[in-house]
């Protein structure tokens, strides 16, 4: 059985995959993202969930992996999405989805493989 931290990483990875699927389904362009509220909501929800899950990682785990992943900004992004009430910059959400999420997904996959 996976430790609580690894269980959370598995769920984080799953949300990263959901973002990838959504981008694949709707199209990999900011213009399509910017024009479609369903697309924006789907990606934003996954980012919010990733931030929520990351906040539940143990302080020891976050500290031991801080050289590879910046957990604070991930949680901060969750707070921005959750509390911006529709005024969150679509540019920032898009940039997060296409730049940061693939890196986070790779990290999670590596961590999960190491524990098998």
PDB file of N, CA and C in Angstrom:
ATOM      1  N   UNK A   1       0.836  -1.187   0.000  1.00  0.00           N
ATOM      2  CA  UNK A   1       0.000   0.000   0.000  1.00  0.00           C
ATOM      3  C   UNK A   1       0.882   1.252   0.000  1.00  0.00           C
ATOM      4  N   UNK A   2       0.436   2.247  -0.739  1.00  0.00           N
ATOM      5  CA  UNK A   2       1.195   3.482  -0.837  1.00  0.00           C
ATOM      6  C   UNK A   2       1.035   4.318   0.432  1.00  0.00           C
ATOM      7  N   UNK A   3       2.101   5.044   0.769  1.00  0.00           N
ATOM      8  CA  UNK A   3       2.039   5.978   1.892  1.00  0.00           C
ATOM      9  C   UNK A   3       1.036   7.087   1.544  1.00  0.00           C
ATOM     10  N   UNK A   4       0.553   7.807   2.558  1.00  0.00           N
ATOM     11  CA  UNK A   4      -0.376   8.910   2.268  1.00  0.00           C
ATOM     12  C   UNK A   4       0.197   9.931   1.274  1.00  0.00           C
ATOM     13  N   UNK A   5       1.488  10.245   1.377  1.00  0.00           N
ATOM     14  CA  UNK A   5       2.092  11.191   0.429  1.00  0.00           C
ATOM     15  C   UNK A   5       2.054  10.636  -0.993  1.00  0.00           C
ATOM     16  N   UNK A   6       2.378   9.373  -1.147  1.00  0.00           N
ATOM     17  CA  UNK A   6       2.372   8.786  -2.487  1.00  0.00           C
ATOM     18  C   UNK A   6       0.954   8.628  -3.026  1.00  0.00           C
ATOM     19  N   UNK A   7       0.000   8.387  -2.147  1.00  0.00           N
ATOM     20  CA  UNK A   7      -1.394   8.349  -2.595  1.00  0.00           C
ATOM     21  C   UNK A   7      -1.804   9.711  -3.145  1.00  0.00           C
ATOM     22  N   UNK A   8      -1.387  10.768  -2.457  1.00  0.00           N
ATOM     23  CA  UNK A   8      -1.686  12.121  -2.941  1.00  0.00           C
ATOM     24  C   UNK A   8      -0.981  12.390  -4.275  1.00  0.00           C
ATOM     25  N   UNK A   9       0.266  11.951  -4.386  1.00  0.00           N
ATOM     26  CA  UNK A   9       0.991  12.135  -5.656  1.00  0.00           C
ATOM     27  C   UNK A   9       0.288  11.413  -6.800  1.00  0.00           C
ATOM     28  N   UNK A  10      -0.251  10.248  -6.516  1.00  0.00           N
ATOM     29  CA  UNK A  10      -0.989   9.509  -7.552  1.00  0.00           C
ATOM     30  C   UNK A  10      -2.189  10.323  -8.023  1.00  0.00           C
ATOM     31  N   UNK A  11      -2.905  10.909  -7.089  1.00  0.00           N
ATOM     32  CA  UNK A  11      -4.058  11.735  -7.464  1.00  0.00           C
ATOM     33  C   UNK A  11      -3.618  13.000  -8.202  1.00  0.00           C
ATOM     34  N   UNK A  12      -2.514  13.601  -7.764  1.00  0.00           N
ATOM     35  CA  UNK A  12      -1.977  14.774  -8.467  1.00  0.00           C
ATOM     36  C   UNK A  12      -1.630  14.392  -9.898  1.00  0.00           C
ATOM     37  N   UNK A  13      -0.958  13.250 -10.053  1.00  0.00           N
ATOM     38  CA  UNK A  13      -0.620  12.777 -11.399  1.00  0.00           C
ATOM     39  C   UNK A  13      -1.879  12.583 -12.237  1.00  0.00           C
ATOM     40  N   UNK A  14      -2.915  12.015 -11.642  1.00  0.00           N
ATOM     41  CA  UNK A  14      -4.168  11.789 -12.368  1.00  0.00           C
ATOM     42  C   UNK A  14      -4.773  13.107 -12.848  1.00  0.00           C
ATOM     43  N   UNK A  15      -4.716  14.151 -12.032  1.00  0.00           N
ATOM     44  CA  UNK A  15      -5.227  15.458 -12.471  1.00  0.00           C
ATOM     45  C   UNK A  15      -4.345  16.053 -13.572  1.00  0.00           C
ATOM     46  N   UNK A  16      -3.052  15.808 -13.511  1.00  0.00           N
ATOM     47  CA  UNK A  16      -2.162  16.248 -14.601  1.00  0.00           C
ATOM     48  C   UNK A  16      -2.569  15.566 -15.907  1.00  0.00           C
ATOM     49  N   UNK A  17      -2.858  14.282 -15.832  1.00  0.00           N
ATOM     50  CA  UNK A  17      -3.298  13.531 -17.014  1.00  0.00           C
ATOM     51  C   UNK A  17      -4.621  14.102 -17.534  1.00  0.00           C
ATOM     52  N   UNK A  18      -5.524  14.447 -16.622  1.00  0.00           N
ATOM     53  CA  UNK A  18      -6.802  15.032 -17.043  1.00  0.00           C
ATOM     54  C   UNK A  18      -6.582  16.339 -17.793  1.00  0.00           C
ATOM     55  N   UNK A  19      -5.646  17.150 -17.328  1.00  0.00           N
ATOM     56  CA  UNK A  19      -5.340  18.399 -18.044  1.00  0.00           C
ATOM     57  C   UNK A  19      -4.808  18.079 -19.437  1.00  0.00           C
ATOM     58  N   UNK A  20      -3.910  17.105 -19.538  1.00  0.00           N
ATOM     59  CA  UNK A  20      -3.388  16.703 -20.851  1.00  0.00           C
ATOM     60  C   UNK A  20      -4.508  16.248 -21.778  1.00  0.00           C
ATOM     61  N   UNK A  21      -5.428  15.439 -21.258  1.00  0.00           N
ATOM     62  CA  UNK A  21      -6.557  14.951 -22.065  1.00  0.00           C
ATOM     63  C   UNK A  21      -7.443  16.103 -22.518  1.00  0.00           C
ATOM     64  N   UNK A  22      -7.671  17.049 -21.628  1.00  0.00           N
ATOM     65  CA  UNK A  22      -8.511  18.191 -21.969  1.00  0.00           C
ATOM     66  C   UNK A  22      -7.868  19.026 -23.064  1.00  0.00           C
ATOM     67  N   UNK A  23      -6.577  19.257 -22.958  1.00  0.00           N
ATOM     68  CA  UNK A  23      -5.866  20.009 -23.994  1.00  0.00           C
ATOM     69  C   UNK A  23      -5.930  19.261 -25.325  1.00  0.00           C
ATOM     70  N   UNK A  24      -5.757  17.968 -25.263  1.00  0.00           N
ATOM     71  CA  UNK A  24      -5.831  17.155 -26.479  1.00  0.00           C
ATOM     72  C   UNK A  24      -7.235  17.217 -27.105  1.00  0.00           C
ATOM     73  N   UNK A  25      -8.247  17.191 -26.274  1.00  0.00           N
ATOM     74  CA  UNK A  25      -9.639  17.195 -26.745  1.00  0.00           C
ATOM     75  C   UNK A  25     -10.022  18.541 -27.365  1.00  0.00           C
ATOM     76  N   UNK A  26      -9.670  19.629 -26.695  1.00  0.00           N
ATOM     77  CA  UNK A  26     -10.108  20.950 -27.143  1.00  0.00           C
ATOM     78  C   UNK A  26      -9.143  21.602 -28.130  1.00  0.00           C
ATOM     79  N   UNK A  27      -7.857  21.259 -28.044  1.00  0.00           N
ATOM     80  CA  UNK A  27      -6.864  21.864 -28.922  1.00  0.00           C
ATOM     81  C   UNK A  27      -5.785  22.579 -28.144  1.00  0.00           C
ATOM     82  N   UNK A  28      -4.574  22.451 -28.632  1.00  0.00           N
ATOM     83  CA  UNK A  28      -3.412  23.000 -27.934  1.00  0.00           C
ATOM     84  C   UNK A  28      -3.099  24.406 -28.423  1.00  0.00           C
ATOM     85  N   UNK A  29      -4.036  25.309 -28.174  1.00  0.00           N
ATOM     86  CA  UNK A  29      -3.763  26.715 -28.494  1.00  0.00           C
ATOM     87  C   UNK A  29      -4.449  27.602 -27.472  1.00  0.00           C
ATOM     88  N   UNK A  30      -3.761  28.666 -27.122  1.00  0.00           N
ATOM     89  CA  UNK A  30      -4.335  29.604 -26.164  1.00  0.00           C
ATOM     90  C   UNK A  30      -5.620  30.211 -26.705  1.00  0.00           C
ATOM     91  N   UNK A  31      -5.692  30.441 -28.004  1.00  0.00           N
ATOM     92  CA  UNK A  31      -6.876  31.059 -28.591  1.00  0.00           C
ATOM     93  C   UNK A  31      -8.114  30.200 -28.346  1.00  0.00           C
ATOM     94  N   UNK A  32      -7.999  28.880 -28.515  1.00  0.00           N
ATOM     95  CA  UNK A  32      -9.131  27.985 -28.254  1.00  0.00           C
ATOM     96  C   UNK A  32      -9.457  27.973 -26.762  1.00  0.00           C
ATOM     97  N   UNK A  33      -8.427  27.924 -25.926  1.00  0.00           N
ATOM     98  CA  UNK A  33      -8.628  27.955 -24.484  1.00  0.00           C
ATOM     99  C   UNK A  33      -9.333  29.241 -24.070  1.00  0.00           C
ATOM    100  N   UNK A  34      -8.862  30.359 -24.585  1.00  0.00           N
ATOM    101  CA  UNK A  34      -9.382  31.672 -24.219  1.00  0.00           C
ATOM    102  C   UNK A  34     -10.837  31.853 -24.644  1.00  0.00           C
ATOM    103  N   UNK A  35     -11.246  31.170 -25.689  1.00  0.00           N
ATOM    104  CA  UNK A  35     -12.589  31.351 -26.235  1.00  0.00           C
ATOM    105  C   UNK A  35     -13.631  30.398 -25.656  1.00  0.00           C
ATOM    106  N   UNK A  36     -13.223  29.435 -24.850  1.00  0.00           N
ATOM    107  CA  UNK A  36     -14.153  28.397 -24.410  1.00  0.00           C
ATOM    108  C   UNK A  36     -14.185  28.275 -22.884  1.00  0.00           C
ATOM    109  N   UNK A  37     -15.281  28.696 -22.281  1.00  0.00           N
ATOM    110  CA  UNK A  37     -15.405  28.664 -20.821  1.00  0.00           C
ATOM    111  C   UNK A  37     -15.348  27.240 -20.265  1.00  0.00           C
ATOM    112  N   UNK A  38     -15.896  26.279 -20.980  1.00  0.00           N
ATOM    113  CA  UNK A  38     -15.837  24.891 -20.506  1.00  0.00           C
ATOM    114  C   UNK A  38     -14.391  24.411 -20.441  1.00  0.00           C
ATOM    115  N   UNK A  39     -13.627  24.745 -21.440  1.00  0.00           N
ATOM    116  CA  UNK A  39     -12.202  24.407 -21.485  1.00  0.00           C
ATOM    117  C   UNK A  39     -11.493  25.041 -20.286  1.00  0.00           C
ATOM    118  N   UNK A  40     -11.744  26.330 -20.071  1.00  0.00           N
ATOM    119  CA  UNK A  40     -11.113  27.047 -18.957  1.00  0.00           C
ATOM    120  C   UNK A  40     -11.491  26.438 -17.607  1.00  0.00           C
ATOM    121  N   UNK A  41     -12.762  26.121 -17.439  1.00  0.00           N
ATOM    122  CA  UNK A  41     -13.222  25.556 -16.165  1.00  0.00           C
ATOM    123  C   UNK A  41     -12.614  24.185 -15.905  1.00  0.00           C
ATOM    124  N   UNK A  42     -12.532  23.383 -16.941  1.00  0.00           N
ATOM    125  CA  UNK A  42     -11.982  22.033 -16.781  1.00  0.00           C
ATOM    126  C   UNK A  42     -10.528  22.087 -16.322  1.00  0.00           C
ATOM    127  N   UNK A  43      -9.732  22.893 -16.977  1.00  0.00           N
ATOM    128  CA  UNK A  43      -8.321  23.021 -16.618  1.00  0.00           C
ATOM    129  C   UNK A  43      -8.180  23.670 -15.235  1.00  0.00           C
ATOM    130  N   UNK A  44      -8.952  24.703 -14.988  1.00  0.00           N
ATOM    131  CA  UNK A  44      -8.873  25.403 -13.705  1.00  0.00           C
ATOM    132  C   UNK A  44      -9.241  24.488 -12.542  1.00  0.00           C
ATOM    133  N   UNK A  45     -10.271  23.670 -12.716  1.00  0.00           N
ATOM    134  CA  UNK A  45     -10.674  22.747 -11.661  1.00  0.00           C
ATOM    135  C   UNK A  45      -9.542  21.780 -11.337  1.00  0.00           C
ATOM    136  N   UNK A  46      -8.896  21.240 -12.348  1.00  0.00           N
ATOM    137  CA  UNK A  46      -7.790  20.309 -12.118  1.00  0.00           C
ATOM    138  C   UNK A  46      -6.634  20.992 -11.398  1.00  0.00           C
ATOM    139  N   UNK A  47      -6.323  22.212 -11.790  1.00  0.00           N
ATOM    140  CA  UNK A  47      -5.262  22.962 -11.121  1.00  0.00           C
ATOM    141  C   UNK A  47      -5.632  23.210  -9.662  1.00  0.00           C
ATOM    142  N   UNK A  48      -6.881  23.549  -9.415  1.00  0.00           N
ATOM    143  CA  UNK A  48      -7.346  23.766  -8.048  1.00  0.00           C
ATOM    144  C   UNK A  48      -7.181  22.484  -7.229  1.00  0.00           C
ATOM    145  N   UNK A  49      -7.569  21.346  -7.786  1.00  0.00           N
ATOM    146  CA  UNK A  49      -7.467  20.069  -7.083  1.00  0.00           C
ATOM    147  C   UNK A  49      -6.009  19.694  -6.814  1.00  0.00           C
ATOM    148  N   UNK A  50      -5.146  19.957  -7.769  1.00  0.00           N
ATOM    149  CA  UNK A  50      -3.715  19.683  -7.581  1.00  0.00           C
ATOM    150  C   UNK A  50      -3.183  20.497  -6.405  1.00  0.00           C
ATOM    151  N   UNK A  51      -3.553  21.769  -6.344  1.00  0.00           N
ATOM    152  CA  UNK A  51      -3.111  22.617  -5.240  1.00  0.00           C
ATOM    153  C   UNK A  51      -3.654  22.148  -3.905  1.00  0.00           C
ATOM    154  N   UNK A  52      -4.901  21.713  -3.903  1.00  0.00           N
ATOM    155  CA  UNK A  52      -5.507  21.213  -2.668  1.00  0.00           C
ATOM    156  C   UNK A  52      -4.777  19.958  -2.195  1.00  0.00           C
ATOM    157  N   UNK A  53      -4.515  19.043  -3.106  1.00  0.00           N
ATOM    158  CA  UNK A  53      -3.805  17.806  -2.754  1.00  0.00           C
ATOM    159  C   UNK A  53      -2.382  18.092  -2.286  1.00  0.00           C
ATOM    160  N   UNK A  54      -1.712  19.021  -2.942  1.00  0.00           N
ATOM    161  CA  UNK A  54      -0.329  19.320  -2.565  1.00  0.00           C
ATOM    162  C   UNK A  54      -0.259  19.888  -1.150  1.00  0.00           C
ATOM    163  N   UNK A  55      -1.283  20.624  -0.760  1.00  0.00           N
ATOM    164  CA  UNK A  55      -1.323  21.162   0.584  1.00  0.00           C
ATOM    165  C   UNK A  55      -1.435  20.093   1.658  1.00  0.00           C
ATOM    166  N   UNK A  56      -1.872  18.902   1.276  1.00  0.00           N
ATOM    167  CA  UNK A  56      -1.996  17.799   2.216  1.00  0.00           C
ATOM    168  C   UNK A  56      -0.771  16.922   2.326  1.00  0.00           C
ATOM    169  N   UNK A  57       0.235  17.200   1.498  1.00  0.00           N
ATOM    170  CA  UNK A  57       1.482  16.442   1.610  1.00  0.00           C
ATOM    171  C   UNK A  57       2.148  16.758   2.943  1.00  0.00           C
ATOM    172  N   UNK A  58       2.826  15.779   3.493  1.00  0.00           N
ATOM    173  CA  UNK A  58       3.476  16.012   4.785  1.00  0.00           C
ATOM    174  C   UNK A  58       4.570  17.070   4.645  1.00  0.00           C
ATOM    175  N   UNK A  59       4.778  17.845   5.701  1.00  0.00           N
ATOM    176  CA  UNK A  59       5.861  18.847   5.651  1.00  0.00           C
ATOM    177  C   UNK A  59       7.210  18.200   5.353  1.00  0.00           C
ATOM    178  N   UNK A  60       7.433  17.000   5.874  1.00  0.00           N
ATOM    179  CA  UNK A  60       8.704  16.308   5.623  1.00  0.00           C
ATOM    180  C   UNK A  60       8.873  15.993   4.137  1.00  0.00           C
ATOM    181  N   UNK A  61       7.802  15.542   3.501  1.00  0.00           N
ATOM    182  CA  UNK A  61       7.888  15.215   2.076  1.00  0.00           C
ATOM    183  C   UNK A  61       8.105  16.480   1.251  1.00  0.00           C
ATOM    184  N   UNK A  62       7.344  17.517   1.554  1.00  0.00           N
ATOM    185  CA  UNK A  62       7.510  18.770   0.805  1.00  0.00           C
ATOM    186  C   UNK A  62       8.935  19.297   0.948  1.00  0.00           C
ATOM    187  N   UNK A  63       9.478  19.207   2.157  1.00  0.00           N
ATOM    188  CA  UNK A  63      10.838  19.703   2.383  1.00  0.00           C
ATOM    189  C   UNK A  63      11.861  18.835   1.650  1.00  0.00           C
ATOM    190  N   UNK A  64      11.677  17.530   1.682  1.00  0.00           N
ATOM    191  CA  UNK A  64      12.655  16.630   1.057  1.00  0.00           C
ATOM    192  C   UNK A  64      12.653  16.716  -0.462  1.00  0.00           C
ATOM    193  N   UNK A  65      11.581  17.244  -1.053  1.00  0.00           N
ATOM    194  CA  UNK A  65      11.494  17.334  -2.515  1.00  0.00           C
ATOM    195  C   UNK A  65      11.492  18.782  -3.005  1.00  0.00           C
ATOM    196  N   UNK A  66      11.732  19.721  -2.095  1.00  0.00           N
ATOM    197  CA  UNK A  66      11.657  21.142  -2.444  1.00  0.00           C
ATOM    198  C   UNK A  66      12.680  21.561  -3.501  1.00  0.00           C
ATOM    199  N   UNK A  67      13.743  20.799  -3.647  1.00  0.00           N
ATOM    200  CA  UNK A  67      14.728  21.129  -4.678  1.00  0.00           C
ATOM    201  C   UNK A  67      14.227  20.786  -6.082  1.00  0.00           C
ATOM    202  N   UNK A  68      13.165  19.999  -6.175  1.00  0.00           N
ATOM    203  CA  UNK A  68      12.625  19.593  -7.483  1.00  0.00           C
ATOM    204  C   UNK A  68      11.277  20.223  -7.793  1.00  0.00           C
ATOM    205  N   UNK A  69      10.461  20.424  -6.762  1.00  0.00           N
ATOM    206  CA  UNK A  69       9.115  20.964  -6.962  1.00  0.00           C
ATOM    207  C   UNK A  69       8.876  22.068  -5.941  1.00  0.00           C
ATOM    208  N   UNK A  70       8.347  23.186  -6.413  1.00  0.00           N
ATOM    209  CA  UNK A  70       8.029  24.294  -5.515  1.00  0.00           C
ATOM    210  C   UNK A  70       6.577  24.165  -5.065  1.00  0.00           C
ATOM    211  N   UNK A  71       6.392  23.518  -3.925  1.00  0.00           N
ATOM    212  CA  UNK A  71       5.047  23.216  -3.437  1.00  0.00           C
ATOM    213  C   UNK A  71       4.286  24.480  -3.035  1.00  0.00           C
ATOM    214  N   UNK A  72       4.964  25.475  -2.505  1.00  0.00           N
ATOM    215  CA  UNK A  72       4.288  26.701  -2.088  1.00  0.00           C
ATOM    216  C   UNK A  72       3.544  27.386  -3.227  1.00  0.00           C
ATOM    217  N   UNK A  73       4.199  27.613  -4.360  1.00  0.00           N
ATOM    218  CA  UNK A  73       3.488  28.236  -5.480  1.00  0.00           C
ATOM    219  C   UNK A  73       2.342  27.374  -6.025  1.00  0.00           C
ATOM    220  N   UNK A  74       2.459  26.055  -5.906  1.00  0.00           N
ATOM    221  CA  UNK A  74       1.361  25.194  -6.360  1.00  0.00           C
ATOM    222  C   UNK A  74       0.133  25.443  -5.489  1.00  0.00           C
ATOM    223  N   UNK A  75       0.340  25.492  -4.195  1.00  0.00           N
ATOM    224  CA  UNK A  75      -0.763  25.796  -3.272  1.00  0.00           C
ATOM    225  C   UNK A  75      -1.256  27.222  -3.499  1.00  0.00           C
ATOM    226  N   UNK A  76      -0.338  28.145  -3.757  1.00  0.00           N
ATOM    227  CA  UNK A  76      -0.726  29.523  -4.041  1.00  0.00           C
ATOM    228  C   UNK A  76      -1.584  29.633  -5.289  1.00  0.00           C
ATOM    229  N   UNK A  77      -1.266  28.838  -6.309  1.00  0.00           N
ATOM    230  CA  UNK A  77      -2.054  28.832  -7.540  1.00  0.00           C
ATOM    231  C   UNK A  77      -3.465  28.349  -7.244  1.00  0.00           C
ATOM    232  N   UNK A  78      -3.573  27.344  -6.380  1.00  0.00           N
ATOM    233  CA  UNK A  78      -4.892  26.853  -5.973  1.00  0.00           C
ATOM    234  C   UNK A  78      -5.702  27.979  -5.356  1.00  0.00           C
ATOM    235  N   UNK A  79      -5.062  28.749  -4.484  1.00  0.00           N
ATOM    236  CA  UNK A  79      -5.766  29.842  -3.816  1.00  0.00           C
ATOM    237  C   UNK A  79      -6.199  30.921  -4.808  1.00  0.00           C
ATOM    238  N   UNK A  80      -5.364  31.200  -5.783  1.00  0.00           N
ATOM    239  CA  UNK A  80      -5.737  32.182  -6.803  1.00  0.00           C
ATOM    240  C   UNK A  80      -6.939  31.708  -7.595  1.00  0.00           C
ATOM    241  N   UNK A  81      -6.919  30.446  -8.028  1.00  0.00           N
ATOM    242  CA  UNK A  81      -8.032  29.908  -8.811  1.00  0.00           C
ATOM    243  C   UNK A  81      -9.303  29.882  -7.960  1.00  0.00           C
ATOM    244  N   UNK A  82      -9.173  29.439  -6.722  1.00  0.00           N
ATOM    245  CA  UNK A  82     -10.343  29.277  -5.867  1.00  0.00           C
ATOM    246  C   UNK A  82     -10.968  30.614  -5.457  1.00  0.00           C
ATOM    247  N   UNK A  83     -10.164  31.637  -5.299  1.00  0.00           N
ATOM    248  CA  UNK A  83     -10.674  32.874  -4.721  1.00  0.00           C
ATOM    249  C   UNK A  83     -10.704  34.065  -5.666  1.00  0.00           C
ATOM    250  N   UNK A  84     -10.393  33.835  -6.921  1.00  0.00           N
ATOM    251  CA  UNK A  84     -10.384  34.965  -7.852  1.00  0.00           C
ATOM    252  C   UNK A  84     -11.759  35.260  -8.423  1.00  0.00           C
ATOM    253  N   UNK A  85     -12.717  34.329  -8.204  1.00  0.00           N
ATOM    254  CA  UNK A  85     -14.105  34.542  -8.616  1.00  0.00           C
ATOM    255  C   UNK A  85     -14.225  34.971 -10.073  1.00  0.00           C
ATOM    256  N   UNK A  86     -13.577  34.235 -10.950  1.00  0.00           N
ATOM    257  CA  UNK A  86     -13.704  34.483 -12.371  1.00  0.00           C
ATOM    258  C   UNK A  86     -12.765  35.517 -12.937  1.00  0.00           C
ATOM    259  N   UNK A  87     -11.955  36.124 -12.102  1.00  0.00           N
ATOM    260  CA  UNK A  87     -11.063  37.163 -12.614  1.00  0.00           C
ATOM    261  C   UNK A  87      -9.628  36.670 -12.771  1.00  0.00           C
ATOM    262  N   UNK A  88      -9.405  35.396 -12.606  1.00  0.00           N
ATOM    263  CA  UNK A  88      -8.062  34.820 -12.744  1.00  0.00           C
ATOM    264  C   UNK A  88      -7.575  34.982 -14.176  1.00  0.00           C
ATOM    265  N   UNK A  89      -6.346  35.335 -14.339  1.00  0.00           N
ATOM    266  CA  UNK A  89      -5.768  35.534 -15.664  1.00  0.00           C
ATOM    267  C   UNK A  89      -5.738  34.216 -16.440  1.00  0.00           C
ATOM    268  N   UNK A  90      -6.409  34.201 -17.563  1.00  0.00           N
ATOM    269  CA  UNK A  90      -6.403  32.995 -18.411  1.00  0.00           C
ATOM    270  C   UNK A  90      -4.999  32.718 -18.938  1.00  0.00           C
ATOM    271  N   UNK A  91      -4.213  33.757 -19.110  1.00  0.00           N
ATOM    272  CA  UNK A  91      -2.824  33.572 -19.546  1.00  0.00           C
ATOM    273  C   UNK A  91      -2.051  32.735 -18.524  1.00  0.00           C
ATOM    274  N   UNK A  92      -2.234  33.038 -17.251  1.00  0.00           N
ATOM    275  CA  UNK A  92      -1.513  32.316 -16.196  1.00  0.00           C
ATOM    276  C   UNK A  92      -1.986  30.871 -16.113  1.00  0.00           C
ATOM    277  N   UNK A  93      -3.293  30.670 -16.196  1.00  0.00           N
ATOM    278  CA  UNK A  93      -3.814  29.307 -16.152  1.00  0.00           C
ATOM    279  C   UNK A  93      -3.275  28.505 -17.335  1.00  0.00           C
ATOM    280  N   UNK A  94      -3.302  29.093 -18.514  1.00  0.00           N
ATOM    281  CA  UNK A  94      -2.808  28.405 -19.703  1.00  0.00           C
ATOM    282  C   UNK A  94      -1.321  28.075 -19.575  1.00  0.00           C
ATOM    283  N   UNK A  95      -0.548  29.042 -19.163  1.00  0.00           N
ATOM    284  CA  UNK A  95       0.897  28.832 -19.005  1.00  0.00           C
ATOM    285  C   UNK A  95       1.171  27.721 -17.991  1.00  0.00           C
ATOM    286  N   UNK A  96       0.427  27.699 -16.922  1.00  0.00           N
ATOM    287  CA  UNK A  96       0.561  26.638 -15.925  1.00  0.00           C
ATOM    288  C   UNK A  96       0.252  25.282 -16.547  1.00  0.00           C
ATOM    289  N   UNK A  97      -0.835  25.222 -17.308  1.00  0.00           N
ATOM    290  CA  UNK A  97      -1.271  23.952 -17.901  1.00  0.00           C
ATOM    291  C   UNK A  97      -0.261  23.393 -18.889  1.00  0.00           C
ATOM    292  N   UNK A  98       0.335  24.247 -19.698  1.00  0.00           N
ATOM    293  CA  UNK A  98       1.212  23.735 -20.767  1.00  0.00           C
ATOM    294  C   UNK A  98       2.684  23.697 -20.380  1.00  0.00           C
ATOM    295  N   UNK A  99       3.078  24.429 -19.342  1.00  0.00           N
ATOM    296  CA  UNK A  99       4.484  24.473 -18.947  1.00  0.00           C
ATOM    297  C   UNK A  99       4.745  23.715 -17.651  1.00  0.00           C
ATOM    298  N   UNK A 100       3.977  24.023 -16.623  1.00  0.00           N
ATOM    299  CA  UNK A 100       4.247  23.464 -15.298  1.00  0.00           C
ATOM    300  C   UNK A 100       3.646  22.072 -15.084  1.00  0.00           C
ATOM    301  N   UNK A 101       2.474  21.848 -15.614  1.00  0.00           N
ATOM    302  CA  UNK A 101       1.800  20.562 -15.385  1.00  0.00           C
ATOM    303  C   UNK A 101       2.596  19.381 -15.950  1.00  0.00           C
ATOM    304  N   UNK A 102       3.164  19.459 -17.152  1.00  0.00           N
ATOM    305  CA  UNK A 102       3.967  18.322 -17.628  1.00  0.00           C
ATOM    306  C   UNK A 102       5.165  18.013 -16.722  1.00  0.00           C
ATOM    307  N   UNK A 103       5.787  19.036 -16.164  1.00  0.00           N
ATOM    308  CA  UNK A 103       6.919  18.841 -15.246  1.00  0.00           C
ATOM    309  C   UNK A 103       6.435  18.157 -13.966  1.00  0.00           C
ATOM    310  N   UNK A 104       5.313  18.610 -13.437  1.00  0.00           N
ATOM    311  CA  UNK A 104       4.761  18.019 -12.225  1.00  0.00           C
ATOM    312  C   UNK A 104       4.354  16.565 -12.470  1.00  0.00           C
ATOM    313  N   UNK A 105       3.756  16.309 -13.605  1.00  0.00           N
ATOM    314  CA  UNK A 105       3.356  14.933 -13.946  1.00  0.00           C
ATOM    315  C   UNK A 105       4.574  14.023 -13.981  1.00  0.00           C
ATOM    316  N   UNK A 106       5.630  14.461 -14.628  1.00  0.00           N
ATOM    317  CA  UNK A 106       6.858  13.670 -14.723  1.00  0.00           C
ATOM    318  C   UNK A 106       7.430  13.390 -13.328  1.00  0.00           C
ATOM    319  N   UNK A 107       7.447  14.391 -12.488  1.00  0.00           N
ATOM    320  CA  UNK A 107       7.936  14.228 -11.123  1.00  0.00           C
ATOM    321  C   UNK A 107       7.113  13.164 -10.387  1.00  0.00           C
ATOM    322  N   UNK A 108       5.809  13.277 -10.462  1.00  0.00           N
ATOM    323  CA  UNK A 108       4.933  12.316  -9.773  1.00  0.00           C
ATOM    324  C   UNK A 108       5.170  10.898 -10.282  1.00  0.00           C
ATOM    325  N   UNK A 109       5.288  10.743 -11.584  1.00  0.00           N
ATOM    326  CA  UNK A 109       5.515   9.419 -12.146  1.00  0.00           C
ATOM    327  C   UNK A 109       6.845   8.833 -11.664  1.00  0.00           C
ATOM    328  N   UNK A 110       7.875   9.663 -11.624  1.00  0.00           N
ATOM    329  CA  UNK A 110       9.178   9.193 -11.133  1.00  0.00           C
ATOM    330  C   UNK A 110       9.090   8.766  -9.669  1.00  0.00           C
ATOM    331  N   UNK A 111       8.413   9.574  -8.862  1.00  0.00           N
ATOM    332  CA  UNK A 111       8.276   9.250  -7.447  1.00  0.00           C
ATOM    333  C   UNK A 111       7.503   7.953  -7.242  1.00  0.00           C
ATOM    334  N   UNK A 112       6.459   7.774  -8.006  1.00  0.00           N
ATOM    335  CA  UNK A 112       5.642   6.559  -7.876  1.00  0.00           C
ATOM    336  C   UNK A 112       6.413   5.334  -8.347  1.00  0.00           C
ATOM    337  N   UNK A 113       7.206   5.471  -9.405  1.00  0.00           N
ATOM    338  CA  UNK A 113       8.014   4.340  -9.880  1.00  0.00           C
ATOM    339  C   UNK A 113       9.098   3.939  -8.879  1.00  0.00           C
ATOM    340  N   UNK A 114       9.676   4.928  -8.215  1.00  0.00           N
ATOM    341  CA  UNK A 114      10.722   4.657  -7.227  1.00  0.00           C
ATOM    342  C   UNK A 114      10.208   3.839  -6.058  1.00  0.00           C
ATOM    343  N   UNK A 115       8.930   3.940  -5.781  1.00  0.00           N
ATOM    344  CA  UNK A 115       8.364   3.263  -4.620  1.00  0.00           C
ATOM    345  C   UNK A 115       7.815   1.887  -4.920  1.00  0.00           C
ATOM    346  N   UNK A 116       7.901   1.469  -6.164  1.00  0.00           N
ATOM    347  CA  UNK A 116       7.408   0.124  -6.511  1.00  0.00           C
ATOM    348  C   UNK A 116       8.419  -0.930  -6.186  1.00  0.00           C
TER     349      UNK A 116
END
